Amino acid sequence: MDKPAARSRSPSATRALAPAKTRINPEPDTAEKRPRGRPRKTLDERDDGNRRVDLINAAARLFRQKGFDATSTRDIAAAVGMHSGSPFYHFESKGALLNAVVEEGMRSALQRQATALQATGLSTAEAPAMLRALIRNHFDVLLGPGGDFVPVMLYESRSIGARQRKLLAKLQSDYEALWEPVLEALAKAGRLGGPVKLSRLLIFGALNWSVQWFDAKKDASLDDLTDAAMALFIGKGREALARSTRKVRA
């Protein structure tokens, strides 16, 4: 039986069967792509939350100790164990750090004041005891642990930008608003020796100045300061005050 004639292959089929040509200088599949833009952040720099808080706390402490002008970003970075340029991954400038410090200070003060008043369970009908709670908490904000923020705001305000100054004025107003009804109640009871607005300004001026002279190692306790302030502002002696504020101390 005759063999069938072999079929001729088309050129395209021939090319399909031909071995693939070896590529010259092939690029490995695992080759790293060249990064674009800014270099990758370090682990510390990527930990935005914790490192940001560390920077704010360190800046508050140094701004209070040395002053804003005398503190460099290198000082702040060194205080938290970072390279001198690393703070700029979190804050665009030293001024931005100052803004964050004073804003954090006021927001924290607002929260602590609200918590302190809520804990007393008092109303304006018990105005002397409420005033004592407000003063005691304010001393804690100024002089207690972590009390660097508000003093920085008080004495470095010239370095704060106009926009930030407007925000801080609003936060301060919110903070002082809780004092108004207490002082008004005291005025109606004849316990306040001057107009409410003027008395509020004088009270805050006296309390805030304590950051300039108070030394916890040499001076009285914060409770002693509070008792003295109460006697000065509304003329109530320490023993009588202790009896009327038993609920607050309990």
C-alpha atoms as a PDB file:
ATOM      1  CA  MET A   1       0.000   0.000   0.000  1.00  0.00           C
ATOM      2  CA  ASP A   2       1.478   3.343  -0.968  1.00  0.00           C
ATOM      3  CA  LYS A   3       2.420   5.779   1.874  1.00  0.00           C
ATOM      4  CA  PRO A   4       0.445   8.974   1.882  1.00  0.00           C
ATOM      5  CA  ALA A   5       2.379  11.953   0.688  1.00  0.00           C
ATOM      6  CA  ALA A   6       3.764  14.125   3.540  1.00  0.00           C
ATOM      7  CA  ARG A   7       1.844  17.328   4.062  1.00  0.00           C
ATOM      8  CA  SER A   8       3.829  20.493   3.754  1.00  0.00           C
ATOM      9  CA  ARG A   9       3.831  22.737   6.839  1.00  0.00           C
ATOM     10  CA  SER A  10       2.890  26.368   6.518  1.00  0.00           C
ATOM     11  CA  PRO A  11       5.514  28.984   7.484  1.00  0.00           C
ATOM     12  CA  SER A  12       3.465  29.994  10.509  1.00  0.00           C
ATOM     13  CA  ALA A  13       3.348  26.454  11.787  1.00  0.00           C
ATOM     14  CA  THR A  14       7.068  26.106  11.302  1.00  0.00           C
ATOM     15  CA  ARG A  15       7.672  29.209  13.391  1.00  0.00           C
ATOM     16  CA  ALA A  16       5.414  27.866  16.128  1.00  0.00           C
ATOM     17  CA  LEU A  17       7.485  24.675  16.388  1.00  0.00           C
ATOM     18  CA  ALA A  18      10.834  26.458  16.353  1.00  0.00           C
ATOM     19  CA  PRO A  19      12.579  26.820  19.757  1.00  0.00           C
ATOM     20  CA  ALA A  20      12.253  30.218  21.352  1.00  0.00           C
ATOM     21  CA  LYS A  21      15.225  32.468  20.995  1.00  0.00           C
ATOM     22  CA  THR A  22      17.259  33.056  24.102  1.00  0.00           C
ATOM     23  CA  ARG A  23      16.901  36.629  25.325  1.00  0.00           C
ATOM     24  CA  ILE A  24      20.083  38.575  25.805  1.00  0.00           C
ATOM     25  CA  ASN A  25      20.680  39.913  29.325  1.00  0.00           C
ATOM     26  CA  PRO A  26      17.285  38.898  30.707  1.00  0.00           C
ATOM     27  CA  GLU A  27      15.998  40.893  33.714  1.00  0.00           C
ATOM     28  CA  PRO A  28      15.197  38.599  36.657  1.00  0.00           C
ATOM     29  CA  ASP A  29      11.549  38.526  37.711  1.00  0.00           C
ATOM     30  CA  THR A  30      12.592  39.333  41.252  1.00  0.00           C
ATOM     31  CA  ALA A  31      14.369  42.574  40.321  1.00  0.00           C
ATOM     32  CA  GLU A  32      13.330  45.400  42.637  1.00  0.00           C
ATOM     33  CA  LYS A  33      11.611  48.355  41.120  1.00  0.00           C
ATOM     34  CA  ARG A  34      13.331  51.653  41.645  1.00  0.00           C
ATOM     35  CA  PRO A  35      11.495  53.600  44.329  1.00  0.00           C
ATOM     36  CA  ARG A  36       9.895  56.832  43.297  1.00  0.00           C
ATOM     37  CA  GLY A  37       9.430  60.023  45.264  1.00  0.00           C
ATOM     38  CA  ARG A  38      10.496  60.300  48.909  1.00  0.00           C
ATOM     39  CA  PRO A  39      12.640  57.532  50.416  1.00  0.00           C
ATOM     40  CA  ARG A  40      10.921  54.964  52.558  1.00  0.00           C
ATOM     41  CA  LYS A  41      10.411  55.924  56.193  1.00  0.00           C
ATOM     42  CA  THR A  42      12.127  54.036  58.968  1.00  0.00           C
ATOM     43  CA  LEU A  43      10.110  51.967  61.433  1.00  0.00           C
ATOM     44  CA  ASP A  44      10.168  54.830  63.918  1.00  0.00           C
ATOM     45  CA  GLU A  45       9.012  57.288  61.291  1.00  0.00           C
ATOM     46  CA  ARG A  46       6.173  55.010  60.161  1.00  0.00           C
ATOM     47  CA  ASP A  47       4.926  54.698  63.744  1.00  0.00           C
ATOM     48  CA  ASP A  48       3.175  58.046  63.346  1.00  0.00           C
ATOM     49  CA  GLY A  49       0.851  57.804  66.357  1.00  0.00           C
ATOM     50  CA  ASN A  50       3.326  57.030  69.124  1.00  0.00           C
ATOM     51  CA  ARG A  51       6.217  59.059  67.723  1.00  0.00           C
ATOM     52  CA  ARG A  52       4.002  62.092  67.216  1.00  0.00           C
ATOM     53  CA  VAL A  53       2.893  61.942  70.851  1.00  0.00           C
ATOM     54  CA  ASP A  54       6.497  61.519  71.998  1.00  0.00           C
ATOM     55  CA  LEU A  55       7.539  64.582  70.012  1.00  0.00           C
ATOM     56  CA  ILE A  56       4.715  66.713  71.401  1.00  0.00           C
ATOM     57  CA  ASN A  57       5.509  65.706  74.988  1.00  0.00           C
ATOM     58  CA  ALA A  58       9.243  66.330  74.542  1.00  0.00           C
ATOM     59  CA  ALA A  59       8.622  69.668  72.844  1.00  0.00           C
ATOM     60  CA  ALA A  60       6.307  70.793  75.646  1.00  0.00           C
ATOM     61  CA  ARG A  61       8.934  69.951  78.268  1.00  0.00           C
ATOM     62  CA  LEU A  62      11.780  71.662  76.395  1.00  0.00           C
ATOM     63  CA  PHE A  63       9.750  74.724  75.396  1.00  0.00           C
ATOM     64  CA  ARG A  64       8.887  75.202  79.062  1.00  0.00           C
ATOM     65  CA  GLN A  65      12.431  74.624  80.321  1.00  0.00           C
ATOM     66  CA  LYS A  66      14.433  76.489  77.675  1.00  0.00           C
ATOM     67  CA  GLY A  67      11.875  78.619  75.845  1.00  0.00           C
ATOM     68  CA  PHE A  68      10.663  78.257  72.271  1.00  0.00           C
ATOM     69  CA  ASP A  69      13.426  80.326  70.660  1.00  0.00           C
ATOM     70  CA  ALA A  70      16.250  78.540  72.503  1.00  0.00           C
ATOM     71  CA  THR A  71      14.948  75.044  71.677  1.00  0.00           C
ATOM     72  CA  SER A  72      15.958  73.514  68.345  1.00  0.00           C
ATOM     73  CA  THR A  73      14.349  70.654  66.460  1.00  0.00           C
ATOM     74  CA  ARG A  74      17.632  68.825  67.004  1.00  0.00           C
ATOM     75  CA  ASP A  75      17.069  69.139  70.788  1.00  0.00           C
ATOM     76  CA  ILE A  76      13.545  67.737  70.458  1.00  0.00           C
ATOM     77  CA  ALA A  77      14.659  64.880  68.207  1.00  0.00           C
ATOM     78  CA  ALA A  78      17.462  63.938  70.588  1.00  0.00           C
ATOM     79  CA  ALA A  79      15.030  63.901  73.520  1.00  0.00           C
ATOM     80  CA  VAL A  80      13.018  61.107  71.868  1.00  0.00           C
ATOM     81  CA  GLY A  81      15.954  59.249  70.290  1.00  0.00           C
ATOM     82  CA  MET A  82      15.335  60.328  66.696  1.00  0.00           C
ATOM     83  CA  HIS A  83      17.614  61.670  63.974  1.00  0.00           C
ATOM     84  CA  SER A  84      17.680  65.446  63.730  1.00  0.00           C
ATOM     85  CA  GLY A  85      15.580  65.550  60.547  1.00  0.00           C
ATOM     86  CA  SER A  86      13.025  62.928  61.545  1.00  0.00           C
ATOM     87  CA  PRO A  87      10.573  65.312  63.304  1.00  0.00           C
ATOM     88  CA  PHE A  88       9.840  66.843  59.896  1.00  0.00           C
ATOM     89  CA  TYR A  89       8.083  63.632  58.861  1.00  0.00           C
ATOM     90  CA  HIS A  90       5.486  64.543  61.504  1.00  0.00           C
ATOM     91  CA  PHE A  91       5.593  68.350  61.701  1.00  0.00           C
ATOM     92  CA  GLU A  92       6.563  70.733  58.942  1.00  0.00           C
ATOM     93  CA  SER A  93       8.337  73.135  61.291  1.00  0.00           C
ATOM     94  CA  LYS A  94       9.175  73.918  64.906  1.00  0.00           C
ATOM     95  CA  GLY A  95       6.287  76.377  64.846  1.00  0.00           C
ATOM     96  CA  ALA A  96       3.907  73.575  63.882  1.00  0.00           C
ATOM     97  CA  LEU A  97       5.172  71.621  66.884  1.00  0.00           C
ATOM     98  CA  LEU A  98       4.458  74.590  69.138  1.00  0.00           C
ATOM     99  CA  ASN A  99       0.928  74.817  67.730  1.00  0.00           C
ATOM    100  CA  ALA A 100       0.399  71.123  68.474  1.00  0.00           C
ATOM    101  CA  VAL A 101       1.718  71.539  72.020  1.00  0.00           C
ATOM    102  CA  VAL A 102      -0.580  74.404  72.975  1.00  0.00           C
ATOM    103  CA  GLU A 103      -3.627  72.875  71.288  1.00  0.00           C
ATOM    104  CA  GLU A 104      -3.055  69.530  72.992  1.00  0.00           C
ATOM    105  CA  GLY A 105      -2.608  71.352  76.293  1.00  0.00           C
ATOM    106  CA  MET A 106      -5.917  73.178  76.080  1.00  0.00           C
ATOM    107  CA  ARG A 107      -7.896  70.175  74.848  1.00  0.00           C
ATOM    108  CA  SER A 108      -6.464  68.054  77.648  1.00  0.00           C
ATOM    109  CA  ALA A 109      -7.233  70.785  80.210  1.00  0.00           C
ATOM    110  CA  LEU A 110     -10.838  70.935  79.010  1.00  0.00           C
ATOM    111  CA  GLN A 111     -11.235  67.179  79.352  1.00  0.00           C
ATOM    112  CA  ARG A 112      -9.628  67.075  82.803  1.00  0.00           C
ATOM    113  CA  GLN A 113     -11.790  69.929  84.045  1.00  0.00           C
ATOM    114  CA  ALA A 114     -15.000  68.271  82.831  1.00  0.00           C
ATOM    115  CA  THR A 115     -13.952  64.995  84.463  1.00  0.00           C
ATOM    116  CA  ALA A 116     -13.081  66.723  87.757  1.00  0.00           C
ATOM    117  CA  LEU A 117     -16.444  68.497  87.937  1.00  0.00           C
ATOM    118  CA  GLN A 118     -18.363  65.366  87.035  1.00  0.00           C
ATOM    119  CA  ALA A 119     -16.588  63.450  89.792  1.00  0.00           C
ATOM    120  CA  THR A 120     -17.762  65.921  92.447  1.00  0.00           C
ATOM    121  CA  GLY A 121     -21.465  65.522  91.625  1.00  0.00           C
ATOM    122  CA  LEU A 122     -21.926  69.143  92.707  1.00  0.00           C
ATOM    123  CA  SER A 123     -24.150  71.883  91.312  1.00  0.00           C
ATOM    124  CA  THR A 124     -23.911  75.687  91.380  1.00  0.00           C
ATOM    125  CA  ALA A 125     -26.048  75.563  94.542  1.00  0.00           C
ATOM    126  CA  GLU A 126     -22.814  74.398  96.193  1.00  0.00           C
ATOM    127  CA  ALA A 127     -20.743  77.137  94.589  1.00  0.00           C
ATOM    128  CA  PRO A 128     -17.901  77.298  97.168  1.00  0.00           C
ATOM    129  CA  ALA A 129     -17.207  73.577  96.845  1.00  0.00           C
ATOM    130  CA  MET A 130     -17.428  73.807  93.048  1.00  0.00           C
ATOM    131  CA  LEU A 131     -14.973  76.696  93.022  1.00  0.00           C
ATOM    132  CA  ARG A 132     -12.577  74.672  95.116  1.00  0.00           C
ATOM    133  CA  ALA A 133     -12.822  71.751  92.677  1.00  0.00           C
ATOM    134  CA  LEU A 134     -12.137  74.080  89.756  1.00  0.00           C
ATOM    135  CA  ILE A 135      -9.145  75.697  91.435  1.00  0.00           C
ATOM    136  CA  ARG A 136      -7.675  72.387  92.576  1.00  0.00           C
ATOM    137  CA  ASN A 137      -7.970  70.947  89.080  1.00  0.00           C
ATOM    138  CA  HIS A 138      -6.438  74.078  87.558  1.00  0.00           C
ATOM    139  CA  PHE A 139      -3.422  73.796  89.843  1.00  0.00           C
ATOM    140  CA  ASP A 140      -3.073  70.180  88.764  1.00  0.00           C
ATOM    141  CA  VAL A 141      -3.181  71.214  85.090  1.00  0.00           C
ATOM    142  CA  LEU A 142      -0.503  73.847  85.705  1.00  0.00           C
ATOM    143  CA  LEU A 143       1.735  72.165  88.270  1.00  0.00           C
ATOM    144  CA  GLY A 144       0.913  68.466  88.300  1.00  0.00           C
ATOM    145  CA  PRO A 145       2.469  65.604  86.284  1.00  0.00           C
ATOM    146  CA  GLY A 146       2.699  66.451  82.599  1.00  0.00           C
ATOM    147  CA  GLY A 147       1.844  70.074  83.328  1.00  0.00           C
ATOM    148  CA  ASP A 148       4.108  71.607  80.679  1.00  0.00           C
ATOM    149  CA  PHE A 149       1.488  72.334  78.033  1.00  0.00           C
ATOM    150  CA  VAL A 150      -0.571  75.219  79.425  1.00  0.00           C
ATOM    151  CA  PRO A 151       2.457  77.140  80.781  1.00  0.00           C
ATOM    152  CA  VAL A 152       3.958  76.971  77.280  1.00  0.00           C
ATOM    153  CA  MET A 153       0.734  78.421  75.908  1.00  0.00           C
ATOM    154  CA  LEU A 154       0.756  81.195  78.514  1.00  0.00           C
ATOM    155  CA  TYR A 155       4.341  82.326  77.953  1.00  0.00           C
ATOM    156  CA  GLU A 156       5.055  81.494  74.309  1.00  0.00           C
ATOM    157  CA  SER A 157       1.896  82.959  72.766  1.00  0.00           C
ATOM    158  CA  ARG A 158       3.931  85.534  70.790  1.00  0.00           C
ATOM    159  CA  SER A 159       5.321  82.662  68.692  1.00  0.00           C
ATOM    160  CA  ILE A 160       1.914  81.175  67.871  1.00  0.00           C
ATOM    161  CA  GLY A 161       0.425  81.953  64.451  1.00  0.00           C
ATOM    162  CA  ALA A 162      -2.680  84.092  64.053  1.00  0.00           C
ATOM    163  CA  ARG A 163      -4.882  81.191  62.966  1.00  0.00           C
ATOM    164  CA  GLN A 164      -3.769  79.037  65.890  1.00  0.00           C
ATOM    165  CA  ARG A 165      -4.235  81.964  68.285  1.00  0.00           C
ATOM    166  CA  LYS A 166      -7.863  82.195  67.204  1.00  0.00           C
ATOM    167  CA  LEU A 167      -8.423  78.484  67.873  1.00  0.00           C
ATOM    168  CA  LEU A 168      -6.772  78.734  71.285  1.00  0.00           C
ATOM    169  CA  ALA A 169      -8.929  81.715  72.204  1.00  0.00           C
ATOM    170  CA  LYS A 170     -11.981  79.553  71.519  1.00  0.00           C
ATOM    171  CA  LEU A 171     -10.625  76.693  73.652  1.00  0.00           C
ATOM    172  CA  GLN A 172      -9.768  79.080  76.490  1.00  0.00           C
ATOM    173  CA  SER A 173     -13.256  80.548  76.324  1.00  0.00           C
ATOM    174  CA  ASP A 174     -14.753  77.046  76.574  1.00  0.00           C
ATOM    175  CA  TYR A 175     -12.526  76.287  79.558  1.00  0.00           C
ATOM    176  CA  GLU A 176     -13.413  79.460  81.449  1.00  0.00           C
ATOM    177  CA  ALA A 177     -17.126  79.180  80.605  1.00  0.00           C
ATOM    178  CA  LEU A 178     -17.569  76.520  83.303  1.00  0.00           C
ATOM    179  CA  TRP A 179     -16.347  79.026  85.912  1.00  0.00           C
ATOM    180  CA  GLU A 180     -18.910  81.692  85.029  1.00  0.00           C
ATOM    181  CA  PRO A 181     -22.039  80.191  86.678  1.00  0.00           C
ATOM    182  CA  VAL A 182     -20.031  79.338  89.800  1.00  0.00           C
ATOM    183  CA  LEU A 183     -18.717  82.881  90.134  1.00  0.00           C
ATOM    184  CA  GLU A 184     -22.173  84.321  89.435  1.00  0.00           C
ATOM    185  CA  ALA A 185     -23.659  82.169  92.202  1.00  0.00           C
ATOM    186  CA  LEU A 186     -20.958  83.372  94.594  1.00  0.00           C
ATOM    187  CA  ALA A 187     -21.600  86.977  93.604  1.00  0.00           C
ATOM    188  CA  LYS A 188     -25.329  86.621  94.291  1.00  0.00           C
ATOM    189  CA  ALA A 189     -24.523  85.157  97.701  1.00  0.00           C
ATOM    190  CA  GLY A 190     -22.278  88.129  98.482  1.00  0.00           C
ATOM    191  CA  ARG A 191     -19.171  85.934  98.580  1.00  0.00           C
ATOM    192  CA  LEU A 192     -17.336  87.481  95.616  1.00  0.00           C
ATOM    193  CA  GLY A 193     -15.678  90.832  96.240  1.00  0.00           C
ATOM    194  CA  GLY A 194     -15.981  92.239  92.711  1.00  0.00           C
ATOM    195  CA  PRO A 195     -17.751  91.991  89.325  1.00  0.00           C
ATOM    196  CA  VAL A 196     -17.830  88.472  87.911  1.00  0.00           C
ATOM    197  CA  LYS A 197     -15.835  89.209  84.733  1.00  0.00           C
ATOM    198  CA  LEU A 198     -13.138  91.175  86.532  1.00  0.00           C
ATOM    199  CA  SER A 199     -12.962  88.606  89.330  1.00  0.00           C
ATOM    200  CA  ARG A 200     -12.519  85.795  86.790  1.00  0.00           C
ATOM    201  CA  LEU A 201      -9.625  87.597  85.116  1.00  0.00           C
ATOM    202  CA  LEU A 202      -7.946  88.314  88.453  1.00  0.00           C
ATOM    203  CA  ILE A 203      -8.436  84.735  89.656  1.00  0.00           C
ATOM    204  CA  PHE A 204      -6.881  83.231  86.528  1.00  0.00           C
ATOM    205  CA  GLY A 205      -4.069  85.763  86.623  1.00  0.00           C
ATOM    206  CA  ALA A 206      -3.204  84.771  90.207  1.00  0.00           C
ATOM    207  CA  LEU A 207      -3.493  81.039  89.587  1.00  0.00           C
ATOM    208  CA  ASN A 208      -1.499  81.061  86.352  1.00  0.00           C
ATOM    209  CA  TRP A 209       1.339  83.055  87.906  1.00  0.00           C
ATOM    210  CA  SER A 210       2.020  80.136  90.235  1.00  0.00           C
ATOM    211  CA  VAL A 211       3.987  78.431  87.440  1.00  0.00           C
ATOM    212  CA  GLN A 212       6.651  81.121  87.917  1.00  0.00           C
ATOM    213  CA  TRP A 213       7.315  80.520  91.593  1.00  0.00           C
ATOM    214  CA  PHE A 214       5.877  77.225  92.798  1.00  0.00           C
ATOM    215  CA  ASP A 215       8.359  74.506  93.714  1.00  0.00           C
ATOM    216  CA  ALA A 216       6.841  71.217  94.855  1.00  0.00           C
ATOM    217  CA  LYS A 217      10.032  70.371  96.775  1.00  0.00           C
ATOM    218  CA  LYS A 218      10.018  73.582  98.802  1.00  0.00           C
ATOM    219  CA  ASP A 219       6.493  74.969  98.838  1.00  0.00           C
ATOM    220  CA  ALA A 220       3.121  73.719 100.022  1.00  0.00           C
ATOM    221  CA  SER A 221       1.085  70.933  98.445  1.00  0.00           C
ATOM    222  CA  LEU A 222      -1.498  71.608  95.747  1.00  0.00           C
ATOM    223  CA  ASP A 223      -4.222  71.149  98.351  1.00  0.00           C
ATOM    224  CA  ASP A 224      -2.536  73.803 100.513  1.00  0.00           C
ATOM    225  CA  LEU A 225      -2.379  76.133  97.531  1.00  0.00           C
ATOM    226  CA  THR A 226      -6.051  75.534  96.835  1.00  0.00           C
ATOM    227  CA  ASP A 227      -7.061  76.297 100.414  1.00  0.00           C
ATOM    228  CA  ALA A 228      -5.021  79.515 100.375  1.00  0.00           C
ATOM    229  CA  ALA A 229      -6.578  80.565  97.065  1.00  0.00           C
ATOM    230  CA  MET A 230     -10.077  79.922  98.404  1.00  0.00           C
ATOM    231  CA  ALA A 231      -9.388  82.004 101.503  1.00  0.00           C
ATOM    232  CA  LEU A 232      -8.055  84.795  99.308  1.00  0.00           C
ATOM    233  CA  PHE A 233     -10.854  84.785  96.746  1.00  0.00           C
ATOM    234  CA  ILE A 234     -13.951  84.239  98.896  1.00  0.00           C
ATOM    235  CA  GLY A 235     -12.594  84.646 102.430  1.00  0.00           C
ATOM    236  CA  LYS A 236     -13.354  81.182 103.734  1.00  0.00           C
ATOM    237  CA  GLY A 237     -11.058  79.737 106.376  1.00  0.00           C
ATOM    238  CA  ARG A 238      -9.440  76.356 105.969  1.00  0.00           C
ATOM    239  CA  GLU A 239     -11.377  74.504 108.661  1.00  0.00           C
ATOM    240  CA  ALA A 240     -14.761  75.789 107.526  1.00  0.00           C
ATOM    241  CA  LEU A 241     -13.853  75.039 103.944  1.00  0.00           C
ATOM    242  CA  ALA A 242     -12.873  71.477 104.796  1.00  0.00           C
ATOM    243  CA  ARG A 243     -16.300  70.895 106.356  1.00  0.00           C
ATOM    244  CA  SER A 244     -18.187  72.290 103.355  1.00  0.00           C
ATOM    245  CA  THR A 245     -16.146  70.321 100.818  1.00  0.00           C
ATOM    246  CA  ARG A 246     -16.169  66.942 102.557  1.00  0.00           C
ATOM    247  CA  LYS A 247     -18.115  65.506  99.637  1.00  0.00           C
ATOM    248  CA  VAL A 248     -15.448  66.608  97.145  1.00  0.00           C
ATOM    249  CA  ARG A 249     -12.588  65.000  99.088  1.00  0.00           C
ATOM    250  CA  ALA A 250     -14.517  61.762  99.787  1.00  0.00           C
END
